[in-house]
Protein backbone atom coordinates (compact mmCIF):
# COMPACT_ATOMS: atom_id res chain seq x y z
CA GLN A 1 9.19 -11.57 -14.12
CA VAL A 2 8.53 -9.49 -11.03
CA GLN A 3 6.22 -11.00 -8.47
CA LEU A 4 4.64 -9.22 -5.52
CA VAL A 5 3.08 -11.31 -2.79
CA GLU A 6 1.11 -9.65 -0.02
CA SER A 7 0.43 -11.17 3.38
CA GLY A 8 -0.70 -10.15 6.85
CA GLY A 9 -4.33 -9.33 6.20
CA GLY A 10 -7.08 -10.56 8.46
CA SER A 11 -9.96 -9.58 10.69
CA VAL A 12 -9.46 -7.17 13.57
CA GLN A 13 -11.63 -5.12 15.88
CA ALA A 14 -11.82 -1.37 15.56
CA GLY A 15 -8.88 0.25 17.29
CA GLY A 16 -6.62 -2.70 16.58
CA SER A 17 -3.49 -3.01 14.47
CA LEU A 18 -2.24 -5.07 11.56
CA THR A 19 1.00 -5.15 9.61
CA LEU A 20 0.89 -6.02 5.94
CA SER A 21 3.92 -7.31 4.07
CA CYS A 22 4.67 -7.39 0.36
CA ALA A 23 7.53 -9.61 -0.74
CA SER A 24 9.09 -8.73 -4.07
CA SER A 25 11.05 -11.09 -6.29
CA GLY A 26 12.13 -11.69 -9.83
CA GLY A 27 13.39 -8.44 -11.25
CA THR A 28 14.36 -4.82 -11.02
CA TYR A 29 12.38 -1.64 -11.30
CA GLU A 30 12.84 1.48 -13.36
CA THR A 31 11.64 3.63 -10.50
CA TRP A 32 12.12 2.93 -6.86
CA CYS A 33 8.68 3.92 -5.67
CA MET A 34 6.31 1.39 -4.16
CA GLY A 35 2.97 1.74 -2.52
CA TRP A 36 -0.09 0.31 -0.88
CA PHE A 37 -3.54 0.73 -2.32
CA ARG A 38 -6.96 -0.51 -1.27
CA GLN A 39 -10.29 -1.17 -2.85
CA ALA A 40 -13.58 -1.74 -1.08
CA PRO A 41 -16.53 -3.37 -2.86
CA GLY A 42 -18.23 -0.92 -5.18
CA LYS A 43 -15.53 1.72 -4.74
CA GLU A 44 -12.54 2.90 -6.75
CA ARG A 45 -9.06 1.81 -5.84
CA GLU A 46 -7.36 4.44 -3.71
CA GLY A 47 -3.84 5.10 -2.60
CA VAL A 48 -3.00 4.44 1.05
CA ALA A 49 0.75 5.04 1.19
CA VAL A 50 3.70 5.50 -1.14
CA ILE A 51 7.44 5.35 -0.47
CA CYS A 52 10.35 6.08 -2.78
CA SER A 53 14.01 5.15 -2.56
CA ASP A 54 14.98 8.51 -1.02
CA ASP A 55 12.57 7.68 1.85
CA ALA A 56 9.99 10.21 0.65
CA THR A 57 6.56 9.06 1.77
CA SER A 58 3.01 10.23 1.38
CA TYR A 59 -0.37 9.33 2.83
CA PRO A 60 -3.90 10.57 2.23
CA GLU A 61 -5.60 12.43 5.03
CA SER A 62 -7.79 9.42 5.80
CA VAL A 63 -4.87 7.35 7.14
CA ARG A 64 -2.24 9.96 7.97
CA GLY A 65 -0.97 9.49 11.50
CA ARG A 66 -2.36 5.94 11.69
CA PHE A 67 -0.53 4.08 8.90
CA VAL A 68 3.22 3.85 8.35
CA ILE A 69 4.86 2.53 5.19
CA SER A 70 8.40 1.16 5.22
CA LEU A 71 10.74 -0.67 2.88
CA ASP A 72 13.41 -3.19 3.81
CA LEU A 73 15.69 -3.43 0.78
CA THR A 74 17.72 -6.24 2.37
CA LYS A 75 14.60 -8.40 2.34
CA ASN A 76 12.98 -6.86 -0.75
CA THR A 77 9.88 -6.41 1.37
CA LEU A 78 7.43 -3.54 1.68
CA TYR A 79 5.46 -3.11 4.89
CA LEU A 80 2.36 -1.24 5.99
CA GLN A 81 1.86 -0.83 9.71
CA MET A 82 -1.80 0.01 10.34
CA ASN A 83 -2.85 1.31 13.74
CA SER A 84 -6.13 2.56 15.19
CA LEU A 85 -8.02 0.70 12.50
CA LYS A 86 -11.55 1.78 11.65
CA PRO A 87 -14.39 -0.10 9.95
CA GLU A 88 -13.94 2.19 6.93
CA ASP A 89 -10.45 0.74 6.49
CA THR A 90 -12.06 -2.55 5.44
CA ALA A 91 -10.92 -3.36 1.90
CA MET A 92 -8.68 -5.53 -0.23
CA TYR A 93 -5.17 -4.14 0.09
CA TYR A 94 -2.73 -4.31 -2.82
CA CYS A 95 0.93 -3.47 -3.10
CA ALA A 96 2.30 -1.94 -6.26
CA ALA A 97 5.81 -1.43 -7.58
CA ASP A 98 7.57 0.69 -10.18
CA LEU A 99 5.28 3.62 -9.46
CA PRO A 100 6.06 7.02 -10.96
CA ARG A 101 7.33 9.53 -8.42
CA ARG A 102 4.31 11.73 -9.03
CA ALA A 103 2.26 9.03 -7.26
CA LEU A 104 3.49 10.66 -4.05
CA GLY A 105 1.39 13.71 -4.87
CA TRP A 106 -1.60 11.77 -6.11
CA VAL A 107 -1.83 9.75 -2.92
CA ARG A 108 -1.19 12.76 -0.66
CA LEU A 109 -4.06 14.63 -2.32
CA GLY A 110 -6.36 11.63 -2.48
CA VAL A 111 -6.49 11.73 -6.27
CA LYS A 112 -7.69 8.46 -7.77
CA ILE A 113 -5.81 7.47 -10.94
CA PRO A 114 -6.58 4.19 -12.75
CA GLY A 115 -3.58 1.99 -12.19
CA TYR A 116 -1.54 4.88 -10.73
CA GLY A 117 1.07 4.22 -13.40
CA ALA A 118 2.35 1.15 -11.57
CA THR A 119 4.01 -1.59 -13.58
CA TYR A 120 3.45 -4.38 -11.07
CA TRP A 121 0.62 -5.31 -8.72
CA GLY A 122 0.21 -8.00 -6.12
CA GLN A 123 -2.85 -10.19 -5.80
CA GLY A 124 -4.15 -8.47 -2.67
CA THR A 125 -4.80 -9.31 0.96
CA GLN A 126 -8.13 -8.72 2.69
CA VAL A 127 -8.42 -6.50 5.75
CA THR A 128 -11.69 -6.51 7.67
CA VAL A 129 -12.30 -4.19 10.60
CA SER A 130 -15.42 -4.64 12.71
């Protein structure tokens, strides 16, 4: 059974930085695409960053140039480096695994898809920017 465990969330002032981690264990995936998503109270879940095994990445316009996604296969860990944080970045952040490759396009275009076709989700880590 695949488990995804996020960490690294917290409270930070606007302009600050945080790095989220998502440790993966317990199985293998059919597709090697993983991603970060976020959901603020009263809003739909939205894609923040996606990475696939060929190092293809995508970001929506709202975070492009500020967030960087990376994957360390030796540690089975997904990261999200978040810089120049804004109050509107406040949300619960989730990592997802076994995403379809077309999630790259969805996230790049800011399209919101229920579940995004992911097989596995973590429990989330809260990020608060004030």
